[in-house]
Amino acid sequence: MSRAQGYQPLSTDPLDNSAPAKATWTSKISRRVLVGVVVVETLALLAILALLVRTSQTCASAPVLYCTSKYSLAVENEVHVYDVGFSDGDPSPFQIPSSPELDKLWADLYDFGVSRITKDEAARLPNKTQAIPGDPGHYVVELEVFHNLHCLDRMRMALDPDYYPDYRMSISNTSSTSLKNRKHVLHCLDWIRQALMCNADTSVVVWQWDESRNTTRVKGNIAHTCRNFEKLQDWAKERILINEYDPTVNIEDDIVVPIIQKEFGR
């Protein structure tokens, strides 16, 4: 057979099965690799979509600031048992008599609560907040927990008018300071009511038999699922205002609250 007679060119017909076996096997491997890549990419895409859905569901019940900023890890749950606070062996450190020491304990809980956030974070809030005069690019906010503690502290003062005479709730006390504080305390009382209802704690209080007293007693020292308060304090302390906030200065900006959010207030 001559060289010319022995030559057979490769077919250009994709349906032609006359190619050598080795080439067919290689083609099958290539197709399997391609299918595998497509499957892996599809699974990866589905995983990303599932993560996005789960994140959006989680953020639906969390502060918008946490869900939209790089500081989302500020919210962290922990198991905590309350101080029962009765005199029979389980006092709380906050039950000492009114004094500068007690005032400091309370102040240390919240007196750094007014915070500064970036414009990017402010633009993602469900309600518009104000730019801080003298601190370009930053906006003023406060986590609600610190306002609640401030309110509870004012109510505590009203319970001891001998030590805090300006918080005496008697109607006969008509000084301007007392009238102002009375309105403040009444605001705080109802605010705490709403906060308790909003953040309804469904931890289950139990009753247990007490052999020493031969009776069933309520047990309040149960486990609660709580947000890590120290983490929230750290978040606020890292963003404490760098100067005193001046509420008399209005700074215009280009932040626009989405229409869907305007019904909740500006």
Protein backbone atom coordinates (compact mmCIF):
# COMPACT_ATOMS: atom_id res chain seq x y z
CA MET A 1 0.00 0.00 0.00
CA SER A 2 1.40 3.36 -0.97
CA ARG A 3 1.75 6.20 1.48
CA ALA A 4 -1.07 8.07 -0.26
CA GLN A 5 -3.37 5.06 -0.17
CA GLY A 6 -2.79 4.50 3.57
CA TYR A 7 -3.71 8.06 4.61
CA GLN A 8 -7.18 8.56 6.05
CA PRO A 9 -8.05 12.15 7.19
CA LEU A 10 -10.02 12.65 10.46
CA SER A 11 -13.71 13.20 9.86
CA THR A 12 -15.16 16.67 10.54
CA ASP A 13 -18.63 15.16 11.07
CA PRO A 14 -19.47 15.32 14.82
CA LEU A 15 -21.65 12.21 14.43
CA ASP A 16 -18.91 10.17 12.79
CA ASN A 17 -17.91 7.23 15.04
CA SER A 18 -14.97 6.15 12.95
CA ALA A 19 -12.40 7.95 15.13
CA PRO A 20 -9.86 5.78 16.97
CA ALA A 21 -10.93 4.28 20.30
CA LYS A 22 -8.37 6.31 22.24
CA ALA A 23 -9.80 9.58 20.96
CA THR A 24 -13.37 8.47 21.86
CA TRP A 25 -12.29 7.58 25.42
CA THR A 26 -10.59 10.96 25.79
CA SER A 27 -13.71 12.70 24.58
CA LYS A 28 -15.83 10.83 27.16
CA ILE A 29 -13.47 11.87 29.95
CA SER A 30 -13.65 15.50 28.82
CA ARG A 31 -17.43 15.42 28.83
CA ARG A 32 -17.48 13.91 32.33
CA VAL A 33 -15.11 16.59 33.60
CA LEU A 34 -17.29 19.28 32.05
CA VAL A 35 -20.44 17.82 33.60
CA GLY A 36 -18.68 17.60 36.96
CA VAL A 37 -17.63 21.25 36.80
CA VAL A 38 -21.19 22.29 35.95
CA VAL A 39 -22.58 20.25 38.84
CA VAL A 40 -20.07 21.73 41.32
CA GLU A 41 -20.78 25.27 40.14
CA THR A 42 -24.53 24.67 40.42
CA LEU A 43 -24.22 23.31 43.96
CA ALA A 44 -22.03 26.26 44.93
CA LEU A 45 -24.60 28.69 43.55
CA LEU A 46 -27.41 26.95 45.45
CA ALA A 47 -25.36 27.08 48.65
CA ILE A 48 -24.80 30.82 48.23
CA LEU A 49 -28.49 31.41 47.60
CA ALA A 50 -29.41 29.38 50.68
CA LEU A 51 -26.95 31.40 52.77
CA LEU A 52 -28.41 34.66 51.51
CA VAL A 53 -31.93 33.52 52.34
CA ARG A 54 -30.90 32.37 55.82
CA THR A 55 -29.07 35.65 56.46
CA SER A 56 -32.06 37.71 55.38
CA GLN A 57 -34.32 35.66 57.65
CA THR A 58 -31.96 36.11 60.59
CA CYS A 59 -31.62 39.83 59.98
CA ALA A 60 -35.38 40.23 59.87
CA SER A 61 -35.45 40.05 63.68
CA ALA A 62 -32.13 41.72 64.40
CA PRO A 63 -31.11 45.39 64.55
CA VAL A 64 -30.61 46.66 61.01
CA LEU A 65 -27.27 48.14 61.99
CA TYR A 66 -25.89 44.70 62.78
CA CYS A 67 -27.20 43.08 59.63
CA THR A 68 -25.79 45.68 57.30
CA SER A 69 -22.39 46.45 58.76
CA LYS A 70 -19.16 44.61 59.35
CA TYR A 71 -19.88 44.70 63.08
CA SER A 72 -22.66 42.10 62.90
CA LEU A 73 -20.88 39.91 65.47
CA ALA A 74 -21.72 42.48 68.16
CA VAL A 75 -24.89 40.47 68.83
CA GLU A 76 -23.99 37.22 70.54
CA ASN A 77 -26.23 35.00 72.65
CA GLU A 78 -25.25 33.44 75.95
CA VAL A 79 -26.91 31.51 78.77
CA HIS A 80 -27.35 33.55 81.93
CA VAL A 81 -28.96 32.98 85.34
CA TYR A 82 -30.48 36.06 87.00
CA ASP A 83 -29.69 37.23 90.50
CA VAL A 84 -32.91 36.45 92.37
CA GLY A 85 -32.25 39.32 94.75
CA PHE A 86 -34.09 38.22 97.88
CA SER A 87 -32.37 38.70 101.22
CA ASP A 88 -32.00 34.99 101.96
CA GLY A 89 -28.59 34.39 100.44
CA ASP A 90 -28.84 35.71 96.89
CA PRO A 91 -28.37 39.48 96.94
CA SER A 92 -27.60 41.46 93.80
CA PRO A 93 -24.70 43.94 93.79
CA PHE A 94 -27.28 46.52 92.68
CA GLN A 95 -29.22 46.17 95.95
CA ILE A 96 -26.86 48.18 98.12
CA PRO A 97 -28.32 51.36 99.68
CA SER A 98 -28.43 54.56 97.61
CA SER A 99 -24.92 55.94 97.50
CA PRO A 100 -22.24 57.21 95.11
CA GLU A 101 -21.13 53.57 94.75
CA LEU A 102 -24.60 52.51 93.60
CA ASP A 103 -24.87 55.49 91.26
CA LYS A 104 -21.59 54.46 89.65
CA LEU A 105 -22.74 50.86 89.22
CA TRP A 106 -25.74 52.10 87.27
CA ALA A 107 -23.84 54.72 85.29
CA ASP A 108 -21.27 52.14 84.23
CA LEU A 109 -24.08 50.20 82.54
CA TYR A 110 -25.11 52.87 80.08
CA ASP A 111 -23.51 56.33 80.35
CA PHE A 112 -21.50 55.71 77.14
CA GLY A 113 -24.65 54.72 75.25
CA VAL A 114 -24.82 57.56 72.71
CA SER A 115 -22.67 56.39 69.80
CA ARG A 116 -21.25 57.53 66.48
CA ILE A 117 -21.59 55.45 63.32
CA THR A 118 -20.42 55.98 59.76
CA LYS A 119 -22.55 57.50 57.01
CA ASP A 120 -22.69 54.11 55.27
CA GLU A 121 -24.17 52.54 58.40
CA ALA A 122 -26.55 55.44 58.91
CA ALA A 123 -27.84 55.08 55.35
CA ARG A 124 -28.87 51.48 56.09
CA LEU A 125 -30.94 52.27 59.19
CA PRO A 126 -34.74 51.98 58.97
CA ASN A 127 -35.04 55.52 60.38
CA LYS A 128 -33.07 58.60 59.45
CA THR A 129 -30.63 59.93 62.05
CA GLN A 130 -28.66 63.16 62.29
CA ALA A 131 -25.09 63.94 61.31
CA ILE A 132 -22.79 64.91 64.18
CA PRO A 133 -21.59 68.53 64.10
CA GLY A 134 -17.80 68.73 64.13
CA ASP A 135 -17.41 65.04 63.30
CA PRO A 136 -17.65 64.78 59.50
CA GLY A 137 -18.92 61.48 58.12
CA HIS A 138 -20.42 60.28 61.41
CA TYR A 139 -23.99 60.08 62.70
CA VAL A 140 -25.49 59.88 66.18
CA VAL A 141 -27.37 56.78 67.43
CA GLU A 142 -28.09 54.92 70.66
CA LEU A 143 -28.84 51.25 71.16
CA GLU A 144 -32.24 50.96 72.81
CA VAL A 145 -30.91 48.82 75.67
CA PHE A 146 -28.90 51.77 77.00
CA HIS A 147 -31.90 54.09 76.89
CA ASN A 148 -33.93 51.45 78.75
CA LEU A 149 -31.29 51.22 81.47
CA HIS A 150 -31.19 55.01 81.74
CA CYS A 151 -34.97 54.97 82.24
CA LEU A 152 -34.82 52.22 84.84
CA ASP A 153 -32.17 54.19 86.72
CA ARG A 154 -34.48 57.22 86.89
CA MET A 155 -37.25 55.01 88.27
CA ARG A 156 -34.82 53.69 90.89
CA MET A 157 -34.08 57.23 92.01
CA ALA A 158 -37.77 57.98 92.35
CA LEU A 159 -38.07 55.05 94.78
CA ASP A 160 -35.68 56.77 97.21
CA PRO A 161 -36.75 60.45 97.33
CA ASP A 162 -34.94 61.03 100.62
CA TYR A 163 -31.63 60.45 98.86
CA TYR A 164 -32.75 61.89 95.50
CA PRO A 165 -35.08 64.76 96.53
CA ASP A 166 -35.38 66.06 92.96
CA TYR A 167 -37.11 62.80 92.06
CA ARG A 168 -39.76 63.04 94.77
CA MET A 169 -42.99 62.10 92.98
CA SER A 170 -45.35 63.79 95.45
CA ILE A 171 -47.84 66.15 93.79
CA SER A 172 -47.11 68.67 96.53
CA ASN A 173 -43.55 69.00 95.26
CA THR A 174 -44.05 71.72 92.65
CA SER A 175 -40.48 72.78 91.91
CA SER A 176 -39.73 73.01 88.19
CA THR A 177 -37.00 70.37 88.48
CA SER A 178 -39.31 67.94 90.27
CA LEU A 179 -42.11 68.49 87.76
CA LYS A 180 -39.71 67.80 84.90
CA ASN A 181 -38.34 64.69 86.60
CA ARG A 182 -41.86 63.46 87.40
CA LYS A 183 -42.75 63.58 83.71
CA HIS A 184 -39.46 61.85 82.95
CA VAL A 185 -40.14 59.03 85.41
CA LEU A 186 -43.69 58.52 84.14
CA HIS A 187 -42.34 58.38 80.58
CA CYS A 188 -39.74 55.85 81.71
CA LEU A 189 -42.27 53.68 83.52
CA ASP A 190 -44.39 53.29 80.41
CA TRP A 191 -41.34 52.94 78.16
CA ILE A 192 -40.05 50.01 80.21
CA ARG A 193 -43.53 48.45 80.04
CA GLN A 194 -43.41 48.61 76.25
CA ALA A 195 -39.84 47.32 76.14
CA LEU A 196 -40.75 44.28 78.26
CA MET A 197 -43.69 43.50 75.99
CA CYS A 198 -41.65 44.04 72.84
CA ASN A 199 -38.81 41.80 74.02
CA ALA A 200 -41.05 39.23 75.67
CA ASP A 201 -38.87 36.78 77.60
CA THR A 202 -40.27 33.26 77.22
CA SER A 203 -37.88 31.61 79.69
CA VAL A 204 -39.96 29.32 81.93
CA VAL A 205 -40.10 30.03 85.67
CA VAL A 206 -40.70 26.83 87.68
CA TRP A 207 -42.04 25.76 91.08
CA GLN A 208 -40.14 23.19 93.18
CA TRP A 209 -40.77 21.45 96.47
CA ASP A 210 -38.72 22.84 99.37
CA GLU A 211 -38.13 20.12 101.96
CA SER A 212 -36.79 22.52 104.59
CA ARG A 213 -39.95 24.67 104.45
CA ASN A 214 -42.37 21.86 103.61
CA THR A 215 -43.90 23.87 100.77
CA THR A 216 -43.61 24.47 97.05
CA ARG A 217 -41.69 27.62 96.15
CA VAL A 218 -41.21 29.52 92.92
CA LYS A 219 -37.71 29.23 91.48
CA GLY A 220 -36.48 32.24 89.56
CA ASN A 221 -32.85 31.21 89.22
CA ILE A 222 -33.41 29.55 85.85
CA ALA A 223 -31.39 29.66 82.67
CA HIS A 224 -32.15 32.50 80.26
CA THR A 225 -30.94 32.94 76.70
CA CYS A 226 -29.57 36.48 76.69
CA ARG A 227 -27.64 38.72 74.38
CA ASN A 228 -24.08 39.13 75.57
CA PHE A 229 -24.35 42.52 77.25
CA GLU A 230 -20.59 43.07 77.50
CA LYS A 231 -20.31 42.70 73.72
CA LEU A 232 -22.91 45.42 73.26
CA GLN A 233 -21.09 47.62 75.77
CA ASP A 234 -17.84 47.09 73.86
CA TRP A 235 -19.60 48.04 70.62
CA ALA A 236 -20.85 51.29 72.15
CA LYS A 237 -17.57 52.15 73.89
CA GLU A 238 -15.68 51.78 70.62
CA ARG A 239 -18.05 54.34 69.07
CA ILE A 240 -18.37 56.84 71.90
CA LEU A 241 -18.81 60.47 70.78
CA ILE A 242 -15.52 62.34 70.40
CA ASN A 243 -17.13 65.64 71.45
CA GLU A 244 -20.34 66.81 73.06
CA TYR A 245 -23.27 66.56 70.68
CA ASP A 246 -24.82 69.93 69.78
CA PRO A 247 -28.54 69.41 69.01
CA THR A 248 -28.94 73.03 67.86
CA VAL A 249 -26.93 72.44 64.66
CA ASN A 250 -28.72 70.96 61.66
CA ILE A 251 -26.57 69.30 58.98
CA GLU A 252 -28.24 68.51 55.67
CA ASP A 253 -27.21 65.30 53.88
CA ASP A 254 -28.17 63.18 50.90
CA ILE A 255 -29.35 60.10 52.82
CA VAL A 256 -32.81 59.07 51.64
CA VAL A 257 -34.97 56.73 53.70
CA PRO A 258 -36.61 54.13 51.42
CA ILE A 259 -40.36 54.66 50.92
CA ILE A 260 -41.15 51.28 52.48
CA GLN A 261 -39.53 52.46 55.73
CA LYS A 262 -41.00 55.97 55.97
CA GLU A 263 -44.20 54.75 57.60
CA PHE A 264 -42.19 53.89 60.72
CA GLY A 265 -41.08 57.47 61.17
CA ARG A 266 -38.26 59.64 59.95
